[in-house]
C-alpha cells in the first residue's frame, strides 16, 4: 500500500528475492501495488515498469482524496 514511486517496488523486489532464495521458493512472489497518494498516481508509469513481479495496481480512493486535500 501507498506506493509512491518505482523505488518502493525496487526495494520490495530485492526483499522478496532474498526471501525466495533463503526459503527455496521456486515460483516468484508477485506484487500488487496500491496507489493511495497523488505522488503514486503521478509516477504510475514508472511503478508499472519497475519490476517483472508487478502483477497489478489499484487506486485507494479515500487516501488519494485525502492526499489531495479533497472532501
PDB file of N, CA and C in Angstrom:
ATOM      1  N   UNK A   1       0.813  -1.210   0.000  1.00  0.00           N
ATOM      2  CA  UNK A   1       0.000   0.000   0.000  1.00  0.00           C
ATOM      3  C   UNK A   1       0.853   1.271   0.000  1.00  0.00           C
ATOM      4  N   UNK A   2       0.257   2.345  -0.455  1.00  0.00           N
ATOM      5  CA  UNK A   2       0.881   3.670  -0.523  1.00  0.00           C
ATOM      6  C   UNK A   2       2.197   3.647  -1.291  1.00  0.00           C
ATOM      7  N   UNK A   3       2.193   2.989  -2.430  1.00  0.00           N
ATOM      8  CA  UNK A   3       3.360   3.010  -3.309  1.00  0.00           C
ATOM      9  C   UNK A   3       3.436   4.391  -3.932  1.00  0.00           C
ATOM     10  N   UNK A   4       4.596   5.034  -3.813  1.00  0.00           N
ATOM     11  CA  UNK A   4       4.737   6.392  -4.333  1.00  0.00           C
ATOM     12  C   UNK A   4       5.661   6.487  -5.528  1.00  0.00           C
ATOM     13  N   UNK A   5       6.489   5.480  -5.729  1.00  0.00           N
ATOM     14  CA  UNK A   5       7.402   5.528  -6.864  1.00  0.00           C
ATOM     15  C   UNK A   5       8.047   4.188  -7.108  1.00  0.00           C
ATOM     16  N   UNK A   6       8.798   4.109  -8.196  1.00  0.00           N
ATOM     17  CA  UNK A   6       9.474   2.869  -8.565  1.00  0.00           C
ATOM     18  C   UNK A   6      10.418   2.400  -7.461  1.00  0.00           C
ATOM     19  N   UNK A   7      10.963   3.341  -6.686  1.00  0.00           N
ATOM     20  CA  UNK A   7      11.879   2.991  -5.600  1.00  0.00           C
ATOM     21  C   UNK A   7      11.215   2.056  -4.586  1.00  0.00           C
ATOM     22  N   UNK A   8       9.938   2.235  -4.336  1.00  0.00           N
ATOM     23  CA  UNK A   8       9.234   1.341  -3.408  1.00  0.00           C
ATOM     24  C   UNK A   8       9.174  -0.083  -3.961  1.00  0.00           C
ATOM     25  N   UNK A   9       8.926  -0.202  -5.256  1.00  0.00           N
ATOM     26  CA  UNK A   9       8.856  -1.518  -5.894  1.00  0.00           C
ATOM     27  C   UNK A   9      10.243  -2.152  -5.964  1.00  0.00           C
ATOM     28  N   UNK A  10      11.274  -1.363  -6.277  1.00  0.00           N
ATOM     29  CA  UNK A  10      12.641  -1.896  -6.328  1.00  0.00           C
ATOM     30  C   UNK A  10      13.043  -2.483  -4.972  1.00  0.00           C
ATOM     31  N   UNK A  11      12.731  -1.751  -3.912  1.00  0.00           N
ATOM     32  CA  UNK A  11      13.059  -2.216  -2.563  1.00  0.00           C
ATOM     33  C   UNK A  11      12.356  -3.539  -2.260  1.00  0.00           C
ATOM     34  N   UNK A  12      11.061  -3.583  -2.533  1.00  0.00           N
ATOM     35  CA  UNK A  12      10.291  -4.796  -2.269  1.00  0.00           C
ATOM     36  C   UNK A  12      10.773  -5.960  -3.136  1.00  0.00           C
ATOM     37  N   UNK A  13      11.104  -5.678  -4.387  1.00  0.00           N
ATOM     38  CA  UNK A  13      11.611  -6.707  -5.297  1.00  0.00           C
ATOM     39  C   UNK A  13      12.874  -7.356  -4.719  1.00  0.00           C
ATOM     40  N   UNK A  14      13.796  -6.548  -4.221  1.00  0.00           N
ATOM     41  CA  UNK A  14      15.032  -7.082  -3.628  1.00  0.00           C
ATOM     42  C   UNK A  14      14.739  -7.893  -2.374  1.00  0.00           C
ATOM     43  N   UNK A  15      13.845  -7.397  -1.552  1.00  0.00           N
ATOM     44  CA  UNK A  15      13.473  -8.110  -0.322  1.00  0.00           C
ATOM     45  C   UNK A  15      12.863  -9.471  -0.643  1.00  0.00           C
ATOM     46  N   UNK A  16      11.942  -9.490  -1.607  1.00  0.00           N
ATOM     47  CA  UNK A  16      11.315 -10.751  -1.995  1.00  0.00           C
ATOM     48  C   UNK A  16      12.323 -11.723  -2.590  1.00  0.00           C
ATOM     49  N   UNK A  17      13.261 -11.226  -3.381  1.00  0.00           N
ATOM     50  CA  UNK A  17      14.295 -12.091  -3.963  1.00  0.00           C
ATOM     51  C   UNK A  17      15.131 -12.742  -2.864  1.00  0.00           C
ATOM     52  N   UNK A  18      15.465 -11.984  -1.846  1.00  0.00           N
ATOM     53  CA  UNK A  18      16.239 -12.539  -0.725  1.00  0.00           C
ATOM     54  C   UNK A  18      15.435 -13.599   0.027  1.00  0.00           C
ATOM     55  N   UNK A  19      14.178 -13.322   0.279  1.00  0.00           N
ATOM     56  CA  UNK A  19      13.333 -14.285   0.988  1.00  0.00           C
ATOM     57  C   UNK A  19      13.119 -15.555   0.161  1.00  0.00           C
ATOM     58  N   UNK A  20      12.900 -15.391  -1.134  1.00  0.00           N
ATOM     59  CA  UNK A  20      12.724 -16.558  -2.005  1.00  0.00           C
ATOM     60  C   UNK A  20      13.978 -17.427  -2.002  1.00  0.00           C
ATOM     61  N   UNK A  21      15.146 -16.794  -2.059  1.00  0.00           N
ATOM     62  CA  UNK A  21      16.398 -17.542  -2.049  1.00  0.00           C
ATOM     63  C   UNK A  21      16.596 -18.254  -0.707  1.00  0.00           C
ATOM     64  N   UNK A  22      16.336 -17.554   0.377  1.00  0.00           N
ATOM     65  CA  UNK A  22      16.524 -18.117   1.721  1.00  0.00           C
ATOM     66  C   UNK A  22      15.616 -19.317   1.970  1.00  0.00           C
ATOM     67  N   UNK A  23      14.400 -19.271   1.445  1.00  0.00           N
ATOM     68  CA  UNK A  23      13.418 -20.318   1.712  1.00  0.00           C
ATOM     69  C   UNK A  23      13.170 -21.235   0.516  1.00  0.00           C
ATOM     70  N   UNK A  24      14.039 -21.155  -0.479  1.00  0.00           N
ATOM     71  CA  UNK A  24      13.971 -22.010  -1.673  1.00  0.00           C
ATOM     72  C   UNK A  24      12.594 -21.964  -2.351  1.00  0.00           C
ATOM     73  N   UNK A  25      12.047 -20.766  -2.461  1.00  0.00           N
ATOM     74  CA  UNK A  25      10.778 -20.581  -3.157  1.00  0.00           C
ATOM     75  C   UNK A  25      11.060 -20.583  -4.654  1.00  0.00           C
ATOM     76  N   UNK A  26      10.398 -21.451  -5.383  1.00  0.00           N
ATOM     77  CA  UNK A  26      10.697 -21.582  -6.815  1.00  0.00           C
ATOM     78  C   UNK A  26       9.785 -20.730  -7.697  1.00  0.00           C
ATOM     79  N   UNK A  27       8.572 -20.466  -7.233  1.00  0.00           N
ATOM     80  CA  UNK A  27       7.646 -19.628  -8.003  1.00  0.00           C
ATOM     81  C   UNK A  27       7.755 -18.189  -7.483  1.00  0.00           C
ATOM     82  N   UNK A  28       8.036 -17.218  -8.366  1.00  0.00           N
ATOM     83  CA  UNK A  28       8.216 -15.842  -7.887  1.00  0.00           C
ATOM     84  C   UNK A  28       6.953 -15.278  -7.230  1.00  0.00           C
ATOM     85  N   UNK A  29       7.157 -14.537  -6.163  1.00  0.00           N
ATOM     86  CA  UNK A  29       6.070 -13.837  -5.492  1.00  0.00           C
ATOM     87  C   UNK A  29       5.799 -12.564  -6.286  1.00  0.00           C
ATOM     88  N   UNK A  30       4.541 -12.321  -6.613  1.00  0.00           N
ATOM     89  CA  UNK A  30       4.173 -11.163  -7.420  1.00  0.00           C
ATOM     90  C   UNK A  30       3.742  -9.990  -6.537  1.00  0.00           C
ATOM     91  N   UNK A  31       3.715  -8.803  -7.129  1.00  0.00           N
ATOM     92  CA  UNK A  31       3.404  -7.567  -6.402  1.00  0.00           C
ATOM     93  C   UNK A  31       2.139  -6.936  -6.982  1.00  0.00           C
ATOM     94  N   UNK A  32       1.252  -6.523  -6.101  1.00  0.00           N
ATOM     95  CA  UNK A  32       0.082  -5.733  -6.480  1.00  0.00           C
ATOM     96  C   UNK A  32       0.199  -4.416  -5.709  1.00  0.00           C
ATOM     97  N   UNK A  33       0.424  -3.330  -6.425  1.00  0.00           N
ATOM     98  CA  UNK A  33       0.642  -2.022  -5.804  1.00  0.00           C
ATOM     99  C   UNK A  33      -0.686  -1.301  -5.610  1.00  0.00           C
ATOM    100  N   UNK A  34      -0.807  -0.606  -4.486  1.00  0.00           N
ATOM    101  CA  UNK A  34      -1.978   0.223  -4.242  1.00  0.00           C
ATOM    102  C   UNK A  34      -1.522   1.685  -4.265  1.00  0.00           C
ATOM    103  N   UNK A  35      -2.078   2.454  -5.185  1.00  0.00           N
ATOM    104  CA  UNK A  35      -1.741   3.866  -5.317  1.00  0.00           C
ATOM    105  C   UNK A  35      -2.720   4.668  -4.470  1.00  0.00           C
ATOM    106  N   UNK A  36      -2.195   5.295  -3.417  1.00  0.00           N
ATOM    107  CA  UNK A  36      -3.057   5.994  -2.464  1.00  0.00           C
ATOM    108  C   UNK A  36      -2.658   7.441  -2.257  1.00  0.00           C
ATOM    109  N   UNK A  37      -1.700   7.936  -3.059  1.00  0.00           N
ATOM    110  CA  UNK A  37      -1.270   9.324  -2.945  1.00  0.00           C
ATOM    111  C   UNK A  37      -1.156   9.928  -4.338  1.00  0.00           C
ATOM    112  N   UNK A  38      -1.176  11.255  -4.378  1.00  0.00           N
ATOM    113  CA  UNK A  38      -1.015  11.955  -5.655  1.00  0.00           C
ATOM    114  C   UNK A  38       0.354  11.622  -6.270  1.00  0.00           C
ATOM    115  N   UNK A  39       1.367  11.482  -5.443  1.00  0.00           N
ATOM    116  CA  UNK A  39       2.714  11.133  -5.926  1.00  0.00           C
ATOM    117  C   UNK A  39       2.698   9.780  -6.627  1.00  0.00           C
ATOM    118  N   UNK A  40       2.007   8.811  -6.053  1.00  0.00           N
ATOM    119  CA  UNK A  40       1.911   7.492  -6.663  1.00  0.00           C
ATOM    120  C   UNK A  40       1.219   7.535  -8.017  1.00  0.00           C
ATOM    121  N   UNK A  41       0.150   8.294  -8.113  1.00  0.00           N
ATOM    122  CA  UNK A  41      -0.571   8.416  -9.389  1.00  0.00           C
ATOM    123  C   UNK A  41       0.316   9.100 -10.419  1.00  0.00           C
ATOM    124  N   UNK A  42       1.055  10.112 -10.001  1.00  0.00           N
ATOM    125  CA  UNK A  42       1.969  10.825 -10.907  1.00  0.00           C
ATOM    126  C   UNK A  42       3.027   9.879 -11.475  1.00  0.00           C
ATOM    127  N   UNK A  43       3.456   8.916 -10.671  1.00  0.00           N
ATOM    128  CA  UNK A  43       4.536   8.006 -11.060  1.00  0.00           C
ATOM    129  C   UNK A  43       4.030   6.648 -11.553  1.00  0.00           C
ATOM    130  N   UNK A  44       2.777   6.566 -11.968  1.00  0.00           N
ATOM    131  CA  UNK A  44       2.154   5.292 -12.317  1.00  0.00           C
ATOM    132  C   UNK A  44       2.938   4.532 -13.404  1.00  0.00           C
ATOM    133  N   UNK A  45       3.426   5.216 -14.422  1.00  0.00           N
ATOM    134  CA  UNK A  45       4.164   4.530 -15.495  1.00  0.00           C
ATOM    135  C   UNK A  45       5.440   3.884 -14.962  1.00  0.00           C
ATOM    136  N   UNK A  46       6.195   4.628 -14.169  1.00  0.00           N
ATOM    137  CA  UNK A  46       7.437   4.092 -13.602  1.00  0.00           C
ATOM    138  C   UNK A  46       7.162   2.925 -12.660  1.00  0.00           C
ATOM    139  N   UNK A  47       6.109   3.033 -11.876  1.00  0.00           N
ATOM    140  CA  UNK A  47       5.735   1.962 -10.950  1.00  0.00           C
ATOM    141  C   UNK A  47       5.382   0.698 -11.727  1.00  0.00           C
ATOM    142  N   UNK A  48       4.598   0.858 -12.775  1.00  0.00           N
ATOM    143  CA  UNK A  48       4.152  -0.291 -13.571  1.00  0.00           C
ATOM    144  C   UNK A  48       5.317  -1.044 -14.201  1.00  0.00           C
ATOM    145  N   UNK A  49       6.395  -0.333 -14.520  1.00  0.00           N
ATOM    146  CA  UNK A  49       7.537  -0.942 -15.204  1.00  0.00           C
ATOM    147  C   UNK A  49       8.704  -1.257 -14.268  1.00  0.00           C
ATOM    148  N   UNK A  50       8.513  -1.072 -12.974  1.00  0.00           N
ATOM    149  CA  UNK A  50       9.610  -1.176 -12.014  1.00  0.00           C
ATOM    150  C   UNK A  50      10.141  -2.583 -11.797  1.00  0.00           C
ATOM    151  N   UNK A  51       9.333  -3.608 -12.055  1.00  0.00           N
ATOM    152  CA  UNK A  51       9.763  -4.977 -11.770  1.00  0.00           C
ATOM    153  C   UNK A  51       8.926  -5.970 -12.577  1.00  0.00           C
ATOM    154  N   UNK A  52       9.552  -7.080 -12.986  1.00  0.00           N
ATOM    155  CA  UNK A  52       8.771  -8.132 -13.630  1.00  0.00           C
ATOM    156  C   UNK A  52       7.766  -8.788 -12.675  1.00  0.00           C
ATOM    157  N   UNK A  53       7.900  -8.527 -11.395  1.00  0.00           N
ATOM    158  CA  UNK A  53       6.980  -9.070 -10.394  1.00  0.00           C
ATOM    159  C   UNK A  53       5.632  -8.341 -10.380  1.00  0.00           C
ATOM    160  N   UNK A  54       5.569  -7.174 -11.022  1.00  0.00           N
ATOM    161  CA  UNK A  54       4.334  -6.392 -10.997  1.00  0.00           C
ATOM    162  C   UNK A  54       3.188  -7.195 -11.593  1.00  0.00           C
ATOM    163  N   UNK A  55       2.151  -7.373 -10.805  1.00  0.00           N
ATOM    164  CA  UNK A  55       1.003  -8.170 -11.218  1.00  0.00           C
ATOM    165  C   UNK A  55      -0.218  -7.280 -11.465  1.00  0.00           C
ATOM    166  N   UNK A  56      -0.290  -6.169 -10.737  1.00  0.00           N
ATOM    167  CA  UNK A  56      -1.418  -5.275 -10.909  1.00  0.00           C
ATOM    168  C   UNK A  56      -1.306  -4.057 -10.021  1.00  0.00           C
ATOM    169  N   UNK A  57      -2.242  -3.127 -10.226  1.00  0.00           N
ATOM    170  CA  UNK A  57      -2.296  -1.910  -9.424  1.00  0.00           C
ATOM    171  C   UNK A  57      -3.753  -1.560  -9.174  1.00  0.00           C
ATOM    172  N   UNK A  58      -3.987  -0.919  -8.042  1.00  0.00           N
ATOM    173  CA  UNK A  58      -5.318  -0.434  -7.687  1.00  0.00           C
ATOM    174  C   UNK A  58      -5.192   0.974  -7.135  1.00  0.00           C
ATOM    175  N   UNK A  59      -6.286   1.707  -7.190  1.00  0.00           N
ATOM    176  CA  UNK A  59      -6.345   3.021  -6.561  1.00  0.00           C
ATOM    177  C   UNK A  59      -7.019   2.889  -5.204  1.00  0.00           C
ATOM    178  N   UNK A  60      -6.483   3.610  -4.232  1.00  0.00           N
ATOM    179  CA  UNK A  60      -7.117   3.712  -2.917  1.00  0.00           C
ATOM    180  C   UNK A  60      -7.801   5.068  -2.850  1.00  0.00           C
ATOM    181  N   UNK A  61      -9.081   5.149  -3.191  1.00  0.00           N
ATOM    182  CA  UNK A  61      -9.728   6.447  -3.368  1.00  0.00           C
ATOM    183  C   UNK A  61      -9.783   7.334  -2.122  1.00  0.00           C
ATOM    184  N   UNK A  62     -10.004   6.773  -0.956  1.00  0.00           N
ATOM    185  CA  UNK A  62     -10.120   7.600   0.252  1.00  0.00           C
ATOM    186  C   UNK A  62      -8.790   8.263   0.591  1.00  0.00           C
ATOM    187  N   UNK A  63      -7.704   7.482   0.623  1.00  0.00           N
ATOM    188  CA  UNK A  63      -6.392   8.053   0.925  1.00  0.00           C
ATOM    189  C   UNK A  63      -5.926   8.983  -0.192  1.00  0.00           C
ATOM    190  N   UNK A  64      -6.256   8.654  -1.437  1.00  0.00           N
ATOM    191  CA  UNK A  64      -5.891   9.515  -2.558  1.00  0.00           C
ATOM    192  C   UNK A  64      -6.586  10.877  -2.424  1.00  0.00           C
ATOM    193  N   UNK A  65      -7.863  10.862  -2.105  1.00  0.00           N
ATOM    194  CA  UNK A  65      -8.587  12.118  -1.904  1.00  0.00           C
ATOM    195  C   UNK A  65      -7.990  12.920  -0.748  1.00  0.00           C
ATOM    196  N   UNK A  66      -7.629  12.231   0.314  1.00  0.00           N
ATOM    197  CA  UNK A  66      -7.022  12.923   1.467  1.00  0.00           C
ATOM    198  C   UNK A  66      -5.677  13.541   1.092  1.00  0.00           C
ATOM    199  N   UNK A  67      -4.890  12.858   0.279  1.00  0.00           N
ATOM    200  CA  UNK A  67      -3.581  13.386  -0.110  1.00  0.00           C
ATOM    201  C   UNK A  67      -3.715  14.622  -0.998  1.00  0.00           C
ATOM    202  N   UNK A  68      -4.894  14.775  -1.631  1.00  0.00           N
ATOM    203  CA  UNK A  68      -5.156  15.936  -2.487  1.00  0.00           C
ATOM    204  C   UNK A  68      -5.989  16.988  -1.761  1.00  0.00           C
ATOM    205  N   UNK A  69      -6.189  16.786  -0.450  1.00  0.00           N
ATOM    206  CA  UNK A  69      -6.979  17.692   0.382  1.00  0.00           C
ATOM    207  C   UNK A  69      -8.401  17.871  -0.161  1.00  0.00           C
ATOM    208  N   UNK A  70      -8.951  16.765  -0.643  1.00  0.00           N
ATOM    209  CA  UNK A  70     -10.325  16.764  -1.176  1.00  0.00           C
ATOM    210  C   UNK A  70     -11.281  16.299  -0.092  1.00  0.00           C
ATOM    211  N   UNK A  71     -12.507  16.740  -0.164  1.00  0.00           N
ATOM    212  CA  UNK A  71     -13.519  16.293   0.791  1.00  0.00           C
ATOM    213  C   UNK A  71     -14.175  15.034   0.297  1.00  0.00           C
TER     214      UNK A  71
END
